[in-house]
Amino acid sequence: MMAQNDLVVAGIDVAKDKVDVCIRSLSQRRTFASTAEGRRMLIRWLRKYKITKAAMEASGGYEREWVKALREADIGTLIVDPKRVRNFARSAGQLAKNDPIDAEMIAWFAETFIEARGQAYDAAREELAQMVTARQTLIEVRTSLHNRGEHSTPDVVQKMQSRLLKQISLEITKLEAAIAALIKATPRFAELAEIIESVPGLAEGTSAGLIGGMPELGQISNNVAAALLGAAPYDDDSGKRRGVRHIQGGRRKVRNLFYMACMGAATRHNPVLKAFYDRLIAKGKEPKVALTACMRKLIVILNVMIARGEKWDAGRYEVSGLARLPPSECPA
């Protein structure tokens, strides 16, 4: 982690009805209403101080309109993890917590870490990500109802659950059709989907989730790709103690979707990944540990494939040989 002493960032704490904004390095603070006019006022205020970077926490969707407005105004905006910001504040001795303080802590956090680069706003990708999230939510509700149906319930409850299941399945089908149409109508999405779906075991749902949830694929290092997914193991050592390595962080929704796809690929559909999975199991690894390793390998392979613009080739992307690829053939 590298300090960015010359980086000036606006920290934005988002609430339902307003945002608190802090330009920490300039000792400037203001509050803006969560309205179209409030967003325009914020942009004018940031331009007054020549601010081109902003950071805010994920706030249950309340941040979306602010992110959209800022990115459309060419103000790079980063969504930061609330837990990391809170831990950062505690490490700095800041125990008090309110909206203005939170805005200052977000600004300080973004100034301190190099990740405060932001991405250009992509309306199509945002639309796709929201549709993918809605589909995944409906699938989770359907699974929950199916599980409840396994238990003895009154007849009226069973009929209600049956009606709901039919309606939910219908809505999922509609969403999948809308997702497919959006990907087909967006050339860069269609190209990515073709590459991702060329991997045995990965279908339309997985490619849509990766396109919407991990747009960085093909532009980042393999280690960063694994970390963004949340499939990178971290050491837990101290002195002579060697703790168990655990994965943590990353994008939970994308990871959950990718986990299910990887389970099918590693155990049935993808001979290359299945051979890797079977070798790990033969060495005594627990199934979940082996699947996590498969996830990391597969996201690295996808990162390389997208960087090259190439489809799956079982020989070229043989898992054990991937680590030996020359640096010139891998993303920076």
Protein backbone atom coordinates (compact mmCIF):
# COMPACT_ATOMS: atom_id res chain seq x y z
CA MET A 1 0.00 0.00 0.00
CA MET A 2 1.45 3.22 -1.12
CA ALA A 3 0.77 6.71 0.16
CA GLN A 4 -0.52 9.29 -2.25
CA ASN A 5 0.45 12.55 -0.59
CA ASP A 6 -0.37 14.64 -3.63
CA LEU A 7 -3.81 13.10 -4.10
CA VAL A 8 -6.78 15.34 -3.24
CA VAL A 9 -9.99 13.38 -2.79
CA ALA A 10 -13.51 14.32 -1.73
CA GLY A 11 -14.87 11.90 0.86
CA ILE A 12 -18.64 11.48 0.59
CA ASP A 13 -20.83 9.93 3.28
CA VAL A 14 -24.16 8.93 1.72
CA ALA A 15 -27.46 8.87 3.59
CA LYS A 16 -31.00 8.49 2.24
CA ASP A 17 -31.83 12.22 2.17
CA LYS A 18 -28.41 13.90 1.96
CA VAL A 19 -24.67 13.50 1.63
CA ASP A 20 -21.90 14.96 3.78
CA VAL A 21 -18.77 15.84 1.81
CA CYS A 22 -15.26 16.55 3.05
CA ILE A 23 -12.21 17.73 1.10
CA ARG A 24 -9.87 16.94 3.96
CA SER A 25 -6.66 18.37 2.51
CA LEU A 26 -8.39 21.74 1.90
CA SER A 27 -10.41 21.74 5.16
CA GLN A 28 -13.65 22.08 3.21
CA ARG A 29 -17.00 20.52 4.26
CA ARG A 30 -20.53 20.76 2.92
CA THR A 31 -23.86 18.94 2.97
CA PHE A 32 -26.00 18.41 -0.14
CA ALA A 33 -29.57 17.19 -0.48
CA SER A 34 -30.19 13.88 -2.28
CA THR A 35 -31.91 15.55 -5.23
CA ALA A 36 -30.97 16.27 -8.83
CA GLU A 37 -30.22 19.86 -7.86
CA GLY A 38 -28.17 18.68 -4.90
CA ARG A 39 -26.04 16.55 -7.21
CA ARG A 40 -25.52 19.48 -9.58
CA MET A 41 -24.52 21.71 -6.64
CA LEU A 42 -22.01 19.10 -5.46
CA ILE A 43 -20.40 18.89 -8.89
CA ARG A 44 -20.12 22.70 -9.13
CA TRP A 45 -18.60 22.81 -5.63
CA LEU A 46 -16.04 20.11 -6.45
CA ARG A 47 -15.10 21.85 -9.70
CA LYS A 48 -14.59 25.09 -7.79
CA TYR A 49 -11.77 23.36 -5.91
CA LYS A 50 -10.60 21.42 -9.01
CA ILE A 51 -11.42 18.04 -7.44
CA THR A 52 -11.33 15.15 -9.92
CA LYS A 53 -11.44 12.24 -7.44
CA ALA A 54 -14.16 11.21 -4.99
CA ALA A 55 -14.78 8.22 -2.75
CA MET A 56 -17.85 6.92 -0.97
CA GLU A 57 -19.00 3.78 0.78
CA ALA A 58 -21.56 1.35 -0.61
CA SER A 59 -24.84 2.44 1.02
CA GLY A 60 -27.49 -0.05 0.03
CA GLY A 61 -28.08 1.55 -3.36
CA TYR A 62 -28.43 5.16 -2.16
CA GLU A 63 -24.98 5.86 -3.62
CA ARG A 64 -25.90 4.89 -7.21
CA GLU A 65 -27.31 8.23 -8.40
CA TRP A 66 -24.39 10.10 -6.84
CA VAL A 67 -21.85 7.80 -8.51
CA LYS A 68 -23.59 8.13 -11.85
CA ALA A 69 -23.70 11.95 -11.67
CA LEU A 70 -20.06 12.26 -10.59
CA ARG A 71 -18.69 9.86 -13.18
CA GLU A 72 -20.71 11.50 -15.95
CA ALA A 73 -19.06 14.76 -14.84
CA ASP A 74 -15.62 13.12 -15.27
CA ILE A 75 -15.01 12.93 -11.53
CA GLY A 76 -13.41 9.55 -10.88
CA THR A 77 -15.41 7.88 -8.13
CA LEU A 78 -14.34 4.92 -6.01
CA ILE A 79 -16.72 2.76 -3.97
CA VAL A 80 -14.86 1.74 -0.82
CA ASP A 81 -15.54 -1.06 1.66
CA PRO A 82 -17.20 0.36 4.83
CA LYS A 83 -15.41 -2.18 7.06
CA ARG A 84 -12.00 -1.14 5.76
CA VAL A 85 -12.79 2.53 6.30
CA ARG A 86 -14.00 1.87 9.86
CA ASN A 87 -10.91 -0.19 10.68
CA PHE A 88 -8.76 2.57 9.18
CA ALA A 89 -10.50 5.14 11.40
CA ARG A 90 -9.93 3.04 14.53
CA SER A 91 -6.26 2.55 13.64
CA ALA A 92 -5.99 6.35 13.45
CA GLY A 93 -7.54 6.67 16.90
CA GLN A 94 -10.85 8.05 15.60
CA LEU A 95 -13.47 6.32 17.76
CA ALA A 96 -16.28 8.86 17.35
CA LYS A 97 -18.64 8.33 14.44
CA ASN A 98 -21.12 10.64 12.72
CA ASP A 99 -21.78 11.65 9.11
CA PRO A 100 -19.24 14.53 8.86
CA ILE A 101 -16.57 12.41 10.58
CA ASP A 102 -17.34 9.50 8.25
CA ALA A 103 -16.90 11.77 5.22
CA GLU A 104 -13.50 12.88 6.53
CA MET A 105 -12.42 9.28 7.21
CA ILE A 106 -13.45 8.22 3.70
CA ALA A 107 -11.40 11.08 2.23
CA TRP A 108 -8.39 10.22 4.39
CA PHE A 109 -8.66 6.53 3.50
CA ALA A 110 -8.81 7.33 -0.22
CA GLU A 111 -5.85 9.73 0.04
CA THR A 112 -3.79 7.05 1.78
CA PHE A 113 -4.27 4.16 -0.62
CA ILE A 114 -3.43 3.95 -4.29
CA GLU A 115 -6.79 2.35 -5.17
CA ALA A 116 -8.45 5.78 -5.26
CA ARG A 117 -8.35 5.85 -9.05
CA GLY A 118 -12.00 5.28 -9.92
CA GLN A 119 -13.45 4.10 -13.21
CA ALA A 120 -15.33 5.79 -16.00
CA TYR A 121 -19.07 5.50 -15.53
CA ASP A 122 -20.58 2.82 -17.76
CA ALA A 123 -24.37 3.05 -17.88
CA ALA A 124 -24.78 -0.24 -19.75
CA ARG A 125 -22.60 -2.13 -17.27
CA GLU A 126 -24.46 -0.60 -14.32
CA GLU A 127 -27.78 -1.67 -15.86
CA LEU A 128 -26.42 -5.17 -16.44
CA ALA A 129 -25.07 -5.42 -12.88
CA GLN A 130 -28.44 -4.44 -11.42
CA MET A 131 -30.29 -7.00 -13.55
CA VAL A 132 -27.81 -9.73 -12.58
CA THR A 133 -28.25 -8.85 -8.89
CA ALA A 134 -32.05 -8.95 -9.24
CA ARG A 135 -31.86 -12.36 -10.91
CA GLN A 136 -29.58 -13.73 -8.20
CA THR A 137 -31.92 -12.42 -5.49
CA LEU A 138 -34.90 -14.16 -7.09
CA ILE A 139 -32.92 -17.40 -7.38
CA GLU A 140 -32.10 -17.22 -3.66
CA VAL A 141 -35.78 -16.63 -2.80
CA ARG A 142 -36.82 -19.56 -5.01
CA THR A 143 -34.27 -21.83 -3.33
CA SER A 144 -35.53 -20.77 0.11
CA LEU A 145 -39.13 -21.56 -0.89
CA HIS A 146 -38.09 -24.93 -2.30
CA ASN A 147 -36.37 -25.78 0.98
CA ARG A 148 -39.44 -24.83 2.99
CA GLY A 149 -41.55 -27.04 0.76
CA GLU A 150 -39.59 -30.05 2.00
CA HIS A 151 -41.25 -29.69 5.42
CA SER A 152 -44.81 -30.53 6.33
CA THR A 153 -47.01 -27.43 6.03
CA PRO A 154 -50.77 -26.79 5.83
CA ASP A 155 -52.33 -27.24 2.40
CA VAL A 156 -53.08 -23.51 2.06
CA VAL A 157 -49.39 -22.69 2.65
CA GLN A 158 -48.24 -25.28 0.12
CA LYS A 159 -50.55 -23.81 -2.53
CA MET A 160 -49.32 -20.29 -1.77
CA GLN A 161 -45.70 -21.42 -2.07
CA SER A 162 -46.46 -23.20 -5.35
CA ARG A 163 -47.99 -20.02 -6.81
CA LEU A 164 -45.03 -17.95 -5.68
CA LEU A 165 -42.54 -20.42 -7.14
CA LYS A 166 -44.25 -20.30 -10.53
CA GLN A 167 -44.29 -16.49 -10.51
CA ILE A 168 -40.66 -16.24 -9.40
CA SER A 169 -39.57 -18.69 -12.12
CA LEU A 170 -41.45 -16.61 -14.70
CA GLU A 171 -39.75 -13.39 -13.52
CA ILE A 172 -36.33 -15.09 -13.60
CA THR A 173 -36.98 -16.15 -17.20
CA LYS A 174 -37.93 -12.57 -18.11
CA LEU A 175 -34.79 -11.19 -16.47
CA GLU A 176 -32.58 -13.73 -18.22
CA ALA A 177 -34.11 -12.72 -21.56
CA ALA A 178 -33.48 -9.03 -20.79
CA ILE A 179 -29.89 -9.75 -19.74
CA ALA A 180 -29.25 -11.75 -22.92
CA ALA A 181 -30.74 -8.96 -25.05
CA LEU A 182 -28.58 -6.29 -23.39
CA ILE A 183 -25.41 -8.34 -23.87
CA LYS A 184 -26.26 -9.06 -27.50
CA ALA A 185 -26.98 -5.36 -28.15
CA THR A 186 -23.69 -4.22 -26.58
CA PRO A 187 -20.74 -5.27 -28.79
CA ARG A 188 -18.08 -5.21 -26.04
CA PHE A 189 -20.34 -7.30 -23.77
CA ALA A 190 -21.06 -9.77 -26.57
CA GLU A 191 -17.33 -10.18 -27.23
CA LEU A 192 -16.61 -10.80 -23.54
CA ALA A 193 -19.51 -13.24 -23.23
CA GLU A 194 -18.21 -15.23 -26.20
CA ILE A 195 -14.79 -15.56 -24.55
CA ILE A 196 -16.12 -16.46 -21.09
CA GLU A 197 -18.72 -18.93 -22.36
CA SER A 198 -16.10 -20.73 -24.44
CA VAL A 199 -14.80 -22.18 -21.13
CA PRO A 200 -16.46 -25.57 -20.51
CA GLY A 201 -18.77 -25.24 -17.51
CA LEU A 202 -19.38 -21.49 -17.78
CA ALA A 203 -22.74 -20.42 -19.19
CA GLU A 204 -24.74 -17.23 -19.75
CA GLY A 205 -25.46 -16.52 -16.07
CA THR A 206 -21.79 -16.66 -15.11
CA SER A 207 -20.61 -14.54 -18.04
CA ALA A 208 -23.25 -11.88 -17.28
CA GLY A 209 -22.19 -11.83 -13.62
CA LEU A 210 -18.52 -11.40 -14.50
CA ILE A 211 -19.15 -8.74 -17.16
CA GLY A 212 -21.33 -6.74 -14.77
CA GLY A 213 -19.43 -7.37 -11.55
CA MET A 214 -15.75 -7.57 -12.59
CA PRO A 215 -15.20 -5.15 -15.49
CA GLU A 216 -11.48 -5.00 -14.63
CA LEU A 217 -10.83 -8.51 -16.01
CA GLY A 218 -8.19 -8.46 -18.72
CA GLN A 219 -6.76 -5.12 -17.50
CA ILE A 220 -5.27 -6.16 -14.15
CA SER A 221 -2.65 -8.56 -12.83
CA ASN A 222 -3.59 -12.15 -12.08
CA ASN A 223 -3.05 -11.59 -8.35
CA VAL A 224 -5.40 -8.60 -8.35
CA ALA A 225 -8.01 -10.59 -10.29
CA ALA A 226 -7.97 -13.30 -7.62
CA ALA A 227 -8.14 -10.70 -4.84
CA LEU A 228 -11.08 -8.85 -6.43
CA LEU A 229 -12.99 -12.12 -6.67
CA GLY A 230 -12.11 -12.92 -3.05
CA ALA A 231 -10.29 -16.14 -3.94
CA ALA A 232 -6.77 -15.10 -2.92
CA PRO A 233 -5.49 -16.87 0.23
CA TYR A 234 -3.83 -14.67 2.86
CA ASP A 235 -1.14 -15.73 5.34
CA ASP A 236 -1.81 -15.73 9.08
CA ASP A 237 1.69 -16.14 10.50
CA SER A 238 3.47 -14.62 13.48
CA GLY A 239 7.00 -15.51 14.56
CA LYS A 240 7.30 -19.30 14.44
CA ARG A 241 3.54 -19.80 14.30
CA ARG A 242 2.17 -20.73 10.91
CA GLY A 243 -1.56 -20.16 10.80
CA VAL A 244 -4.09 -21.49 8.31
CA ARG A 245 -4.38 -19.37 5.16
CA HIS A 246 -7.84 -17.98 4.52
CA ILE A 247 -9.54 -16.10 1.71
CA GLN A 248 -11.22 -12.85 2.65
CA GLY A 249 -12.56 -9.67 1.11
CA GLY A 250 -13.42 -9.45 -2.57
CA ARG A 251 -16.81 -9.09 -4.25
CA ARG A 252 -19.15 -11.45 -2.42
CA LYS A 253 -21.97 -11.54 -4.99
CA VAL A 254 -19.63 -12.28 -7.88
CA ARG A 255 -17.75 -14.87 -5.79
CA ASN A 256 -20.96 -16.69 -4.84
CA LEU A 257 -22.05 -16.85 -8.47
CA PHE A 258 -18.60 -17.97 -9.62
CA TYR A 259 -18.38 -20.60 -6.86
CA MET A 260 -21.49 -22.41 -8.12
CA ALA A 261 -20.28 -22.31 -11.73
CA CYS A 262 -16.81 -23.48 -10.72
CA MET A 263 -18.28 -26.37 -8.71
CA GLY A 264 -19.89 -27.76 -11.86
CA ALA A 265 -16.83 -27.05 -13.99
CA ALA A 266 -14.37 -28.65 -11.55
CA THR A 267 -16.42 -31.76 -10.82
CA ARG A 268 -18.11 -32.48 -14.17
CA HIS A 269 -17.88 -30.18 -17.18
CA ASN A 270 -14.28 -28.99 -17.56
CA PRO A 271 -11.68 -31.79 -17.98
CA VAL A 272 -8.73 -29.47 -17.32
CA LEU A 273 -10.19 -28.04 -14.12
CA LYS A 274 -11.51 -31.45 -13.03
CA ALA A 275 -8.01 -32.95 -13.31
CA PHE A 276 -6.67 -30.13 -11.11
CA TYR A 277 -9.51 -30.60 -8.59
CA ASP A 278 -8.97 -34.38 -8.48
CA ARG A 279 -5.23 -33.92 -7.86
CA LEU A 280 -5.95 -31.65 -4.89
CA ILE A 281 -8.49 -34.08 -3.43
CA ALA A 282 -5.98 -36.94 -3.87
CA LYS A 283 -3.48 -34.89 -1.85
CA GLY A 284 -5.97 -34.75 1.03
CA LYS A 285 -7.42 -31.26 0.48
CA GLU A 286 -10.96 -30.64 1.68
CA PRO A 287 -13.48 -30.23 -1.17
CA LYS A 288 -14.12 -26.55 -0.31
CA VAL A 289 -10.40 -25.83 -0.24
CA ALA A 290 -9.94 -27.57 -3.60
CA LEU A 291 -12.88 -25.65 -5.09
CA THR A 292 -11.46 -22.34 -3.85
CA ALA A 293 -8.15 -23.20 -5.52
CA CYS A 294 -10.05 -24.00 -8.73
CA MET A 295 -11.81 -20.63 -8.51
CA ARG A 296 -8.50 -18.85 -8.26
CA LYS A 297 -7.02 -20.77 -11.20
CA LEU A 298 -10.09 -20.22 -13.36
CA ILE A 299 -10.35 -16.46 -12.72
CA VAL A 300 -6.64 -16.16 -13.59
CA ILE A 301 -7.21 -18.11 -16.82
CA LEU A 302 -10.16 -15.85 -17.69
CA ASN A 303 -8.08 -12.76 -16.93
CA VAL A 304 -5.41 -13.96 -19.39
CA MET A 305 -7.96 -15.01 -22.03
CA ILE A 306 -9.73 -11.64 -21.94
CA ALA A 307 -6.41 -9.75 -22.04
CA ARG A 308 -5.48 -11.70 -25.18
CA GLY A 309 -8.97 -11.67 -26.67
CA GLU A 310 -8.76 -15.46 -27.06
CA LYS A 311 -11.26 -18.26 -26.49
CA TRP A 312 -10.66 -21.36 -24.40
CA ASP A 313 -7.96 -23.75 -25.55
CA ALA A 314 -7.53 -26.79 -23.30
CA GLY A 315 -3.89 -27.21 -24.31
CA ARG A 316 -2.91 -23.54 -24.10
CA TYR A 317 -4.66 -22.98 -20.77
CA GLU A 318 -3.73 -26.25 -19.11
CA VAL A 319 -3.86 -25.32 -15.42
CA SER A 320 -0.48 -26.60 -14.25
CA GLY A 321 1.24 -24.77 -17.11
CA LEU A 322 -0.44 -21.41 -16.57
CA ALA A 323 2.09 -20.29 -13.97
CA ARG A 324 4.85 -20.76 -16.54
CA LEU A 325 3.40 -18.28 -19.03
CA PRO A 326 5.98 -15.58 -19.85
CA PRO A 327 5.20 -12.16 -18.31
CA SER A 328 4.70 -10.70 -21.78
CA GLU A 329 1.68 -12.97 -22.27
CA CYS A 330 -0.03 -12.03 -19.01
CA PRO A 331 -1.75 -8.79 -17.94
CA ALA A 332 0.52 -6.30 -16.18
